[in-house]
N, C-alpha and C. Protein backbone atom coordinates (compact mmCIF):
# COMPACT_ATOMS: atom_id res chain seq x y z
N ILE A 1 0.43 7.34 28.84
CA ILE A 1 0.25 6.59 27.76
C ILE A 1 -0.85 6.27 27.14
N LYS A 2 -1.39 6.48 25.83
CA LYS A 2 -2.55 6.06 25.41
C LYS A 2 -2.33 4.54 24.83
N HIS A 3 -3.86 4.02 25.51
CA HIS A 3 -3.67 2.52 25.25
C HIS A 3 -4.57 1.90 23.93
N HIS A 4 -4.05 1.09 23.04
CA HIS A 4 -4.81 0.47 22.35
C HIS A 4 -5.59 -0.54 23.01
N PRO A 5 -6.85 -0.93 23.00
CA PRO A 5 -7.34 -1.99 23.74
C PRO A 5 -6.61 -3.16 23.72
N THR A 6 -5.82 -3.40 22.48
CA THR A 6 -5.23 -4.89 22.66
C THR A 6 -3.57 -4.88 23.00
N MET A 7 -3.33 -3.56 23.66
CA MET A 7 -1.72 -3.30 23.89
C MET A 7 -1.55 -4.33 25.11
N LEU A 8 -0.60 -5.18 24.66
CA LEU A 8 0.10 -6.11 26.06
C LEU A 8 0.51 -5.28 27.09
N LEU A 9 0.33 -5.78 28.26
CA LEU A 9 0.64 -5.59 29.73
C LEU A 9 2.21 -5.01 29.42
N GLN A 10 2.96 -6.25 28.83
CA GLN A 10 4.15 -6.00 28.63
C GLN A 10 4.77 -4.88 27.87
N GLU A 11 3.89 -4.53 26.76
CA GLU A 11 4.33 -3.21 26.06
C GLU A 11 3.96 -1.87 26.80
N HIS A 12 3.05 -1.95 27.57
CA HIS A 12 2.70 -0.86 28.49
C HIS A 12 3.81 -0.55 29.55
N TYR A 13 4.48 -1.43 29.95
CA TYR A 13 5.40 -1.22 31.15
C TYR A 13 6.70 -0.97 30.29
N PHE A 14 6.91 -1.45 29.39
CA PHE A 14 8.08 -1.29 28.53
C PHE A 14 8.04 0.50 28.12
N ARG A 15 6.97 0.66 27.44
CA ARG A 15 6.61 2.03 27.28
C ARG A 15 6.79 2.87 28.51
N LYS A 16 6.26 2.61 29.51
CA LYS A 16 6.40 3.54 30.66
C LYS A 16 8.06 3.54 31.31
N ALA A 17 8.71 2.50 30.96
CA ALA A 17 10.13 2.31 31.31
C ALA A 17 11.14 3.27 30.34
N LEU A 18 10.64 2.96 28.98
CA LEU A 18 11.12 4.10 28.00
C LEU A 18 10.95 5.57 28.51
N GLN A 19 9.74 5.85 28.68
CA GLN A 19 9.46 7.12 29.15
C GLN A 19 10.14 7.69 30.34
N GLU A 20 10.50 7.06 31.33
CA GLU A 20 11.20 7.23 32.64
C GLU A 20 12.72 7.54 32.01
N ARG A 21 12.91 7.19 31.05
CA ARG A 21 14.53 7.20 30.37
C ARG A 21 14.40 8.29 29.46
N GLY A 22 13.48 9.22 29.31
CA GLY A 22 13.32 10.34 28.54
C GLY A 22 12.84 10.27 27.18
N TYR A 23 12.52 9.04 26.95
CA TYR A 23 11.68 8.94 25.40
C TYR A 23 10.26 9.26 25.61
N ARG A 24 9.92 10.47 25.03
CA ARG A 24 8.42 10.83 25.32
C ARG A 24 7.29 10.07 24.63
N ALA A 25 7.58 9.83 23.51
CA ALA A 25 6.63 8.97 22.81
C ALA A 25 7.47 7.98 21.98
N PRO A 26 7.95 7.01 22.60
CA PRO A 26 8.75 5.91 21.94
C PRO A 26 8.28 5.29 20.80
N LEU A 27 8.91 5.45 19.68
CA LEU A 27 8.67 4.98 18.33
C LEU A 27 9.12 3.39 18.15
N GLY A 28 8.62 2.66 17.22
CA GLY A 28 9.18 1.45 17.03
C GLY A 28 9.36 0.40 18.18
N VAL A 29 8.50 0.48 18.95
CA VAL A 29 8.52 -0.40 20.09
C VAL A 29 7.80 -2.00 19.76
N ARG A 30 8.50 -2.92 20.11
CA ARG A 30 7.83 -4.16 19.64
C ARG A 30 8.12 -5.18 20.75
N VAL A 31 6.93 -5.97 20.93
CA VAL A 31 7.32 -7.05 22.12
C VAL A 31 6.84 -8.13 21.65
N ASN A 32 7.73 -9.34 22.18
CA ASN A 32 7.28 -10.77 21.68
C ASN A 32 6.81 -11.47 23.06
N HIS A 33 5.50 -11.48 23.18
CA HIS A 33 5.05 -12.03 24.48
C HIS A 33 5.53 -13.42 24.75
N LYS A 34 5.45 -14.25 23.88
CA LYS A 34 5.92 -15.50 23.98
C LYS A 34 7.06 -15.88 24.40
N GLU A 35 8.13 -15.20 23.82
CA GLU A 35 9.57 -14.99 24.31
C GLU A 35 9.89 -14.07 25.47
N GLY A 36 9.19 -13.23 25.86
CA GLY A 36 9.34 -12.35 26.76
C GLY A 36 10.39 -11.31 26.48
N THR A 37 10.40 -10.94 25.11
CA THR A 37 11.25 -9.60 24.91
C THR A 37 10.91 -8.43 24.58
N CYS A 38 11.34 -7.41 24.49
CA CYS A 38 10.91 -5.95 24.40
C CYS A 38 12.05 -5.31 23.28
N THR A 39 11.55 -4.80 22.26
CA THR A 39 12.66 -4.32 21.60
C THR A 39 12.10 -2.81 21.25
N HIS A 40 13.25 -2.15 21.00
CA HIS A 40 13.21 -0.51 20.98
C HIS A 40 14.67 0.21 20.36
N ALA A 41 14.47 0.46 19.16
CA ALA A 41 15.81 1.20 18.44
C ALA A 41 16.74 0.04 18.10
N ASP A 42 16.03 -0.91 17.66
CA ASP A 42 16.91 -2.35 17.22
C ASP A 42 17.65 -3.06 18.50
N LYS A 43 17.22 -2.52 19.62
CA LYS A 43 17.84 -3.38 20.82
C LYS A 43 16.79 -4.06 21.51
N THR A 44 17.24 -5.41 21.66
CA THR A 44 16.17 -6.06 22.46
C THR A 44 16.58 -6.51 23.79
N TYR A 45 15.54 -6.44 24.64
CA TYR A 45 15.90 -6.41 26.18
C TYR A 45 14.70 -7.75 26.35
N PRO A 46 15.05 -8.30 27.65
CA PRO A 46 14.33 -9.27 28.54
C PRO A 46 12.81 -8.35 28.87
N VAL A 47 11.77 -8.82 29.54
CA VAL A 47 10.86 -8.35 30.14
C VAL A 47 11.23 -7.38 31.00
N VAL A 48 10.76 -5.91 30.89
CA VAL A 48 11.31 -4.52 31.44
C VAL A 48 10.11 -4.18 32.31
N PHE A 49 10.49 -3.67 33.54
CA PHE A 49 9.24 -3.12 34.20
C PHE A 49 9.65 -1.60 34.42
N PRO A 50 8.94 -0.69 34.72
CA PRO A 50 9.30 0.77 35.25
C PRO A 50 9.60 0.87 36.78
N ARG A 51 10.46 1.78 36.97
CA ARG A 51 10.68 2.21 38.31
C ARG A 51 9.67 2.53 38.97
N ALA A 52 8.70 3.19 38.41
CA ALA A 52 7.52 3.73 38.98
C ALA A 52 6.83 2.46 39.78
N MET A 53 6.68 1.38 38.84
CA MET A 53 5.94 0.17 39.58
C MET A 53 6.55 -0.28 40.64
N LEU A 54 7.84 -0.49 40.69
CA LEU A 54 8.66 -1.03 41.75
C LEU A 54 8.41 -0.15 42.95
N ALA A 55 8.29 0.90 42.79
CA ALA A 55 8.22 2.10 43.83
C ALA A 55 6.84 1.87 44.49
N HIS A 56 6.08 1.94 43.64
CA HIS A 56 4.67 1.52 43.99
C HIS A 56 4.21 0.35 44.83
N VAL A 57 4.99 -0.67 44.35
CA VAL A 57 4.67 -1.74 45.18
C VAL A 57 5.72 -1.82 46.29
N ALA A 58 6.63 -1.21 46.30
CA ALA A 58 7.60 -1.11 47.77
C ALA A 58 6.87 -0.56 48.87
N ARG A 59 5.67 0.48 48.64
CA ARG A 59 5.03 0.92 49.59
C ARG A 59 4.31 -0.11 50.34
N PHE A 60 4.20 -1.27 49.78
CA PHE A 60 3.19 -2.22 50.74
C PHE A 60 4.07 -3.23 51.52
N HIS A 61 5.61 -3.07 51.28
CA HIS A 61 6.26 -4.04 51.98
C HIS A 61 6.45 -3.72 53.69
N HIS A 62 6.23 -4.66 54.46
CA HIS A 62 6.37 -4.38 55.76
C HIS A 62 7.34 -5.42 56.45
N GLY A 63 8.50 -5.69 55.86
CA GLY A 63 9.26 -6.37 56.47
C GLY A 63 9.06 -7.99 56.58
N GLU A 64 9.46 -8.48 57.76
CA GLU A 64 9.24 -10.07 57.84
C GLU A 64 7.91 -10.39 58.46
N ALA A 65 7.31 -9.35 58.83
CA ALA A 65 5.88 -9.90 59.58
C ALA A 65 4.87 -9.95 58.47
N ARG A 66 4.69 -11.20 58.10
CA ARG A 66 3.78 -11.64 57.06
C ARG A 66 3.00 -12.91 57.71
N PRO A 67 1.53 -12.52 57.77
CA PRO A 67 0.78 -13.30 58.19
C PRO A 67 0.36 -14.62 57.29
N TYR A 68 0.78 -14.47 56.03
CA TYR A 68 0.57 -15.72 55.29
C TYR A 68 1.87 -16.45 54.87
N SER A 69 1.73 -17.60 54.77
CA SER A 69 2.78 -18.51 54.12
C SER A 69 2.69 -18.27 52.63
N TYR A 70 1.74 -18.56 52.03
CA TYR A 70 1.49 -18.46 50.51
C TYR A 70 0.61 -17.67 50.00
N PHE A 71 0.60 -17.07 48.78
CA PHE A 71 -0.60 -16.38 47.99
C PHE A 71 -0.58 -16.78 46.67
N PHE A 72 -1.75 -16.77 46.21
CA PHE A 72 -1.98 -16.75 44.88
C PHE A 72 -3.31 -16.13 44.48
N ARG A 73 -3.33 -15.22 43.57
CA ARG A 73 -4.78 -14.71 43.10
C ARG A 73 -4.54 -14.50 41.54
N GLY A 74 -5.66 -15.07 40.84
CA GLY A 74 -5.50 -15.08 39.53
C GLY A 74 -6.54 -16.12 38.81
N VAL A 75 -6.34 -16.32 37.45
CA VAL A 75 -7.41 -17.25 36.93
C VAL A 75 -7.12 -18.72 37.15
N LYS A 76 -8.09 -19.66 37.09
CA LYS A 76 -7.84 -21.05 37.36
C LYS A 76 -8.00 -21.79 35.96
N THR A 77 -6.82 -22.38 35.86
CA THR A 77 -6.82 -23.13 34.50
C THR A 77 -6.30 -24.51 34.77
N SER A 78 -6.29 -25.32 34.16
CA SER A 78 -5.83 -26.88 34.30
C SER A 78 -4.44 -26.85 34.70
N ARG A 79 -3.44 -25.99 33.99
CA ARG A 79 -2.07 -25.85 34.15
C ARG A 79 -1.81 -25.51 35.76
N LYS A 80 -2.90 -24.71 36.10
CA LYS A 80 -2.41 -24.26 37.65
C LYS A 80 -3.45 -24.98 38.66
N GLN A 81 -3.77 -26.10 38.33
CA GLN A 81 -4.65 -26.96 39.22
C GLN A 81 -4.12 -27.21 40.47
N TRP A 82 -2.30 -27.39 40.29
CA TRP A 82 -1.83 -27.88 41.62
C TRP A 82 -1.86 -26.81 42.61
N VAL A 83 -2.07 -25.69 42.20
CA VAL A 83 -2.16 -24.52 43.42
C VAL A 83 -3.62 -25.00 44.36
N TRP A 84 -4.71 -25.10 43.62
CA TRP A 84 -5.78 -25.40 44.19
C TRP A 84 -5.70 -26.63 45.28
N ASP A 85 -5.14 -27.80 44.43
CA ASP A 85 -4.92 -28.93 44.92
C ASP A 85 -4.11 -29.41 46.43
N HIS A 86 -3.23 -28.25 46.52
CA HIS A 86 -2.28 -28.08 47.33
C HIS A 86 -2.10 -27.16 48.36
N TYR A 87 -2.64 -26.15 47.88
CA TYR A 87 -2.65 -24.78 48.90
C TYR A 87 -4.13 -23.98 49.33
N ALA A 88 -5.01 -24.24 48.43
CA ALA A 88 -6.23 -23.35 48.61
C ALA A 88 -6.96 -23.70 49.97
N HIS A 89 -6.77 -25.05 50.62
CA HIS A 89 -7.52 -25.21 51.76
C HIS A 89 -6.48 -25.06 52.90
N ARG A 90 -5.30 -24.41 52.95
CA ARG A 90 -4.32 -24.30 53.75
C ARG A 90 -4.80 -22.95 54.54
N GLU A 91 -4.70 -22.87 56.10
CA GLU A 91 -4.96 -21.97 57.03
C GLU A 91 -3.84 -20.83 56.65
N ASP A 92 -2.83 -21.16 56.07
CA ASP A 92 -1.80 -20.09 56.13
C ASP A 92 -1.53 -19.38 54.70
N ALA A 93 -2.70 -20.09 53.64
CA ALA A 93 -2.39 -19.62 52.48
C ALA A 93 -3.50 -18.46 52.14
N LEU A 94 -3.19 -17.68 51.30
CA LEU A 94 -4.61 -16.75 50.69
C LEU A 94 -4.28 -17.17 49.04
N VAL A 95 -5.24 -17.97 48.67
CA VAL A 95 -5.65 -18.46 47.41
C VAL A 95 -7.02 -18.14 46.82
N SER A 96 -7.22 -17.27 46.03
CA SER A 96 -8.30 -16.91 45.27
C SER A 96 -8.39 -16.73 43.67
N ILE A 97 -9.52 -16.85 43.14
CA ILE A 97 -9.76 -16.55 41.85
C ILE A 97 -9.86 -15.15 41.35
N SER A 98 -9.41 -14.51 40.43
CA SER A 98 -9.53 -13.44 39.99
C SER A 98 -9.58 -13.10 38.70
N LYS A 99 -10.28 -12.36 37.91
CA LYS A 99 -10.29 -12.08 36.47
C LYS A 99 -9.57 -10.57 36.17
N ARG A 100 -9.31 -10.00 37.12
CA ARG A 100 -9.24 -8.48 37.34
C ARG A 100 -8.14 -8.15 35.96
N GLY A 101 -6.86 -8.83 35.88
CA GLY A 101 -6.08 -8.69 34.99
C GLY A 101 -6.69 -8.77 33.58
N ARG A 102 -7.80 -9.29 33.49
CA ARG A 102 -8.16 -9.74 32.00
C ARG A 102 -9.35 -8.54 31.49
N ASP A 103 -9.58 -7.48 32.60
CA ASP A 103 -10.66 -6.43 32.39
C ASP A 103 -9.73 -5.35 31.64
N PRO A 104 -10.20 -5.08 30.40
CA PRO A 104 -9.64 -4.18 29.74
C PRO A 104 -9.58 -2.70 30.35
N LYS A 105 -10.63 -2.33 31.33
CA LYS A 105 -10.76 -1.12 31.75
C LYS A 105 -9.93 -0.94 33.04
N LEU A 106 -9.48 -2.17 33.61
CA LEU A 106 -8.72 -2.07 34.87
C LEU A 106 -6.90 -2.81 34.42
N LYS A 107 -6.92 -3.22 33.33
CA LYS A 107 -5.60 -3.75 33.01
C LYS A 107 -4.33 -3.06 33.20
N TYR A 108 -4.32 -1.66 32.92
CA TYR A 108 -2.84 -0.89 33.00
C TYR A 108 -3.24 -0.18 34.34
N THR A 109 -3.83 -0.63 35.21
CA THR A 109 -3.72 -0.02 36.53
C THR A 109 -3.37 -0.84 37.55
N LEU A 110 -2.35 -0.44 38.57
CA LEU A 110 -1.94 -1.18 39.64
C LEU A 110 -2.88 -1.81 40.50
N ASP A 111 -2.92 -2.88 40.79
CA ASP A 111 -4.24 -3.25 41.91
C ASP A 111 -3.57 -3.28 43.30
N ASP A 112 -3.70 -2.07 44.06
CA ASP A 112 -3.03 -2.04 45.37
C ASP A 112 -3.43 -3.32 46.59
N ALA A 113 -4.76 -3.75 46.01
CA ALA A 113 -5.18 -5.00 47.20
C ALA A 113 -4.39 -6.21 46.78
N TYR A 114 -4.18 -6.37 45.55
CA TYR A 114 -3.33 -7.38 45.13
C TYR A 114 -2.01 -7.45 45.61
N TYR A 115 -1.31 -6.37 45.52
CA TYR A 115 0.22 -6.27 46.03
C TYR A 115 0.28 -6.13 47.44
N ARG A 116 -0.67 -5.64 48.25
CA ARG A 116 -0.71 -5.54 49.27
C ARG A 116 -0.91 -6.75 50.03
N ASP A 117 -1.85 -7.66 49.49
CA ASP A 117 -2.04 -8.98 49.87
C ASP A 117 -0.71 -9.93 49.63
N MET A 118 0.06 -9.70 48.38
CA MET A 118 1.08 -10.37 48.07
C MET A 118 2.40 -10.16 49.04
N CYS A 119 2.54 -8.69 49.53
CA CYS A 119 3.51 -8.48 50.42
C CYS A 119 3.23 -8.82 51.67
N ASN A 120 1.98 -9.44 52.13
CA ASN A 120 1.99 -10.28 53.41
C ASN A 120 2.13 -11.83 53.27
N ALA A 121 2.77 -12.13 52.18
CA ALA A 121 2.98 -13.85 52.23
C ALA A 121 4.42 -13.72 51.92
N ARG A 122 5.02 -14.99 52.53
CA ARG A 122 6.66 -15.21 52.35
C ARG A 122 6.75 -15.92 51.09
N PHE A 123 5.81 -16.58 50.50
CA PHE A 123 6.09 -17.43 49.27
C PHE A 123 4.73 -17.08 48.22
N VAL A 124 5.07 -16.95 47.03
CA VAL A 124 4.06 -16.60 46.18
C VAL A 124 4.12 -17.79 45.29
N LEU A 125 2.87 -18.28 44.79
CA LEU A 125 2.91 -19.38 44.00
C LEU A 125 2.74 -19.18 42.77
N THR A 126 3.62 -19.33 41.65
CA THR A 126 3.96 -18.52 40.62
C THR A 126 3.91 -19.27 39.38
N PRO A 127 2.58 -20.32 39.19
CA PRO A 127 2.58 -21.16 37.94
C PRO A 127 2.37 -20.73 36.77
N LEU A 128 2.87 -21.49 35.73
CA LEU A 128 3.03 -20.94 34.34
C LEU A 128 1.69 -21.40 33.69
N ASP A 129 1.37 -20.61 32.62
CA ASP A 129 0.29 -21.26 31.58
C ASP A 129 0.56 -21.45 30.45
N VAL A 130 0.35 -20.48 29.41
CA VAL A 130 0.46 -20.61 28.35
C VAL A 130 1.88 -20.65 27.59
N TYR A 131 2.50 -19.43 28.30
CA TYR A 131 3.90 -19.40 27.94
C TYR A 131 4.83 -19.81 29.15
N ALA A 132 6.06 -19.74 28.88
CA ALA A 132 7.07 -19.99 29.79
C ALA A 132 7.55 -19.19 30.71
N TRP A 133 6.81 -18.12 31.07
CA TRP A 133 7.16 -16.78 32.02
C TRP A 133 5.92 -16.16 32.47
N SER A 134 5.97 -15.79 33.70
CA SER A 134 4.68 -14.96 34.03
C SER A 134 5.08 -13.81 34.80
N TYR A 135 3.88 -12.85 34.73
CA TYR A 135 4.38 -11.40 35.50
C TYR A 135 4.38 -11.63 37.06
N ARG A 136 3.59 -12.75 37.36
CA ARG A 136 3.46 -13.15 39.00
C ARG A 136 4.90 -13.16 39.60
N PHE A 137 5.78 -14.07 38.69
CA PHE A 137 7.04 -14.45 38.91
C PHE A 137 7.83 -12.97 39.37
N PHE A 138 7.84 -12.07 38.61
CA PHE A 138 8.49 -10.74 39.14
C PHE A 138 7.73 -10.07 39.97
N GLU A 139 6.47 -10.29 40.04
CA GLU A 139 5.47 -9.31 41.13
C GLU A 139 5.75 -9.95 42.59
N ALA A 140 6.07 -11.34 42.60
CA ALA A 140 6.67 -11.81 43.81
C ALA A 140 7.88 -11.25 44.34
N ILE A 141 8.66 -11.08 43.39
CA ILE A 141 10.00 -10.73 43.49
C ILE A 141 9.87 -9.12 44.42
N MET A 142 9.28 -8.40 43.50
CA MET A 142 8.95 -6.90 43.87
C MET A 142 8.41 -6.96 45.48
N CYS A 143 7.70 -7.87 45.68
CA CYS A 143 6.97 -8.02 47.22
C CYS A 143 7.75 -8.87 47.96
N ARG A 144 9.04 -8.96 47.73
CA ARG A 144 9.97 -9.50 48.74
C ARG A 144 9.40 -11.00 49.14
N ALA A 145 8.69 -11.39 48.34
CA ALA A 145 8.44 -12.98 48.66
C ALA A 145 9.37 -13.82 47.71
N ILE A 146 9.34 -15.22 47.81
CA ILE A 146 10.22 -15.95 47.29
C ILE A 146 8.80 -17.00 46.30
N PRO A 147 9.30 -16.78 44.88
CA PRO A 147 8.55 -17.33 44.11
C PRO A 147 8.45 -19.00 44.34
N VAL A 148 7.53 -19.69 44.05
CA VAL A 148 7.36 -20.98 43.87
C VAL A 148 6.62 -21.54 42.67
N LEU A 149 7.47 -22.43 41.94
CA LEU A 149 6.90 -23.00 40.71
C LEU A 149 6.57 -24.49 41.13
N HIS A 150 5.91 -24.98 40.05
CA HIS A 150 5.61 -26.51 40.32
C HIS A 150 6.93 -27.22 39.84
N ASP A 151 6.81 -28.53 40.15
CA ASP A 151 8.17 -29.51 40.21
C ASP A 151 8.65 -29.47 38.80
N ASP A 152 7.80 -29.63 37.81
CA ASP A 152 7.88 -29.55 36.24
C ASP A 152 8.08 -28.56 35.41
N GLU A 153 7.88 -27.24 36.08
CA GLU A 153 7.71 -26.24 35.29
C GLU A 153 9.06 -25.50 34.89
N VAL A 154 9.42 -25.06 33.96
CA VAL A 154 10.68 -24.21 33.57
C VAL A 154 10.31 -22.97 33.27
N ASP A 155 10.36 -21.85 34.10
CA ASP A 155 10.31 -20.47 33.78
C ASP A 155 11.46 -19.95 33.02
N LYS A 156 11.39 -19.46 31.85
CA LYS A 156 12.78 -18.92 31.44
C LYS A 156 13.55 -17.93 31.90
N PHE A 157 13.01 -17.38 32.98
CA PHE A 157 13.77 -16.24 33.41
C PHE A 157 14.23 -16.63 34.87
N ALA A 158 13.86 -17.94 35.54
CA ALA A 158 13.98 -18.33 36.79
C ALA A 158 15.53 -18.58 37.00
N HIS A 159 16.22 -18.72 36.23
CA HIS A 159 17.50 -19.23 36.34
C HIS A 159 18.73 -18.17 37.07
N ARG A 160 18.12 -16.90 36.75
CA ARG A 160 19.11 -15.81 37.64
C ARG A 160 18.56 -15.65 38.97
N PHE A 161 17.44 -16.46 39.33
CA PHE A 161 16.74 -16.09 40.74
C PHE A 161 16.81 -17.19 41.78
N HIS A 162 16.70 -17.04 42.91
CA HIS A 162 16.44 -18.15 43.84
C HIS A 162 14.93 -18.33 44.05
N VAL A 163 14.54 -19.62 43.49
CA VAL A 163 13.10 -20.06 43.63
C VAL A 163 13.05 -21.37 44.26
N TYR A 164 11.76 -21.63 44.60
CA TYR A 164 11.71 -23.15 45.20
C TYR A 164 10.67 -23.83 44.26
N ARG A 165 10.65 -24.89 44.55
CA ARG A 165 9.80 -25.99 43.73
C ARG A 165 8.74 -26.25 44.78
N HIS A 166 7.66 -26.45 44.21
CA HIS A 166 6.46 -27.11 45.18
C HIS A 166 6.82 -28.17 46.04
N SER A 167 7.63 -29.09 45.72
CA SER A 167 8.12 -30.27 46.55
C SER A 167 9.27 -29.88 47.61
N ASP A 168 9.76 -28.94 47.32
CA ASP A 168 11.09 -28.35 48.14
C ASP A 168 10.61 -28.10 49.63
N GLU A 169 11.14 -27.88 50.61
CA GLU A 169 10.81 -27.41 52.00
C GLU A 169 11.01 -25.79 51.82
N HIS A 170 9.90 -25.19 51.86
CA HIS A 170 9.94 -23.56 51.71
C HIS A 170 10.38 -23.07 53.10
N VAL A 171 11.77 -22.10 52.97
CA VAL A 171 12.08 -21.63 54.11
C VAL A 171 12.41 -20.15 53.56
N TRP A 172 11.64 -19.05 54.30
CA TRP A 172 11.97 -17.71 53.67
C TRP A 172 13.21 -17.31 54.18
N ARG A 173 14.11 -16.65 53.20
CA ARG A 173 15.41 -16.40 53.47
C ARG A 173 15.49 -14.88 53.21
N GLN A 174 15.88 -14.04 53.77
CA GLN A 174 16.49 -12.59 53.51
C GLN A 174 17.24 -12.54 52.49
N ASP A 175 18.24 -13.41 52.73
CA ASP A 175 19.54 -13.27 51.56
C ASP A 175 18.88 -13.51 49.97
N TRP A 176 17.81 -14.46 50.00
CA TRP A 176 17.41 -14.78 48.67
C TRP A 176 16.52 -13.68 48.29
N VAL A 177 15.74 -13.04 49.41
CA VAL A 177 15.14 -11.95 48.76
C VAL A 177 15.85 -10.85 48.27
N GLU A 178 17.06 -10.62 49.04
CA GLU A 178 17.69 -9.57 48.48
C GLU A 178 18.53 -9.73 47.35
N HIS A 179 19.12 -10.96 47.16
CA HIS A 179 19.63 -11.41 45.49
C HIS A 179 18.66 -11.17 44.51
N ASN A 180 17.26 -11.65 44.55
CA ASN A 180 16.31 -11.66 43.81
C ASN A 180 16.28 -10.16 43.38
N LEU A 181 15.85 -9.33 44.28
CA LEU A 181 15.73 -7.62 43.92
C LEU A 181 16.83 -7.08 43.32
N ARG A 182 18.02 -7.67 43.72
CA ARG A 182 19.18 -7.10 42.91
C ARG A 182 19.35 -7.82 41.34
N GLN A 183 18.71 -8.94 41.27
CA GLN A 183 18.77 -9.65 39.80
C GLN A 183 17.65 -8.70 39.00
N LEU A 184 16.35 -8.83 39.59
CA LEU A 184 15.30 -7.94 38.93
C LEU A 184 15.86 -6.35 38.75
N MET A 185 16.50 -5.87 39.38
CA MET A 185 16.83 -4.51 39.23
C MET A 185 17.85 -4.61 38.05
N GLN A 186 18.88 -5.52 38.00
CA GLN A 186 19.81 -5.49 37.03
C GLN A 186 19.25 -6.04 35.59
N TYR A 187 18.63 -7.01 35.52
CA TYR A 187 18.09 -7.43 34.19
C TYR A 187 16.78 -7.23 33.88
N HIS A 188 16.02 -6.70 34.77
CA HIS A 188 14.56 -6.32 34.20
C HIS A 188 13.91 -5.00 34.41
N THR A 189 14.96 -3.80 34.53
CA THR A 189 14.82 -2.59 34.58
C THR A 189 15.84 -2.01 33.42
N LEU A 190 15.23 -0.88 32.91
CA LEU A 190 16.08 -0.26 31.99
C LEU A 190 17.38 0.57 32.59
N ASP A 191 17.30 0.68 33.95
CA ASP A 191 18.38 1.46 34.75
C ASP A 191 19.58 0.24 34.80
N GLY A 192 19.26 -0.81 35.24
CA GLY A 192 20.15 -2.02 35.35
C GLY A 192 20.51 -2.53 33.88
N LEU A 193 19.99 -2.60 32.85
CA LEU A 193 20.22 -2.89 31.46
C LEU A 193 21.04 -1.96 30.69
N LEU A 194 21.03 -0.79 31.04
CA LEU A 194 21.55 0.39 30.21
C LEU A 194 23.00 0.70 31.09
N SER A 195 23.00 0.48 32.18
CA SER A 195 24.32 0.94 33.06
C SER A 195 25.50 0.37 32.66
């Protein structure tokens, strides 16, 4: 896929998913990042991920042997401050700052180190920032981790998934992981949405 320097990652993923379904150069693709929607041929879908991404991330999954309880890597903003206040200094957490996703040269490539580390955690801290959803929420599910939102955050896609709040007791549950993966495949891939 040729990338315009300002193409949203959401559009990149949607175009890749359409190509996997046989659309060689999909025309009329639109995304609404604020609402987390993708449109093609007058049909609108929620955020969509390509099969290739899920397969790539699955390579780093190693079952229940996870050395970290918590993981977060990303930019530090005031809305994400709770991550640093409550988790950054824990010995069982891997929390770090990274602006890799903002680098236009790397934006459309999958960061193997990021997914490998995420797959080594039982819970992924998935704070919201500007919009009412995040890529990290879905990435956590791809990595067979359970997302953790702050107590007062409302992720618009979380209602279909098992998630924890910051103040909950966090217990890693295989049945939750499997449920979340099924929901991701059903509602956030074209294979599920078009079946």
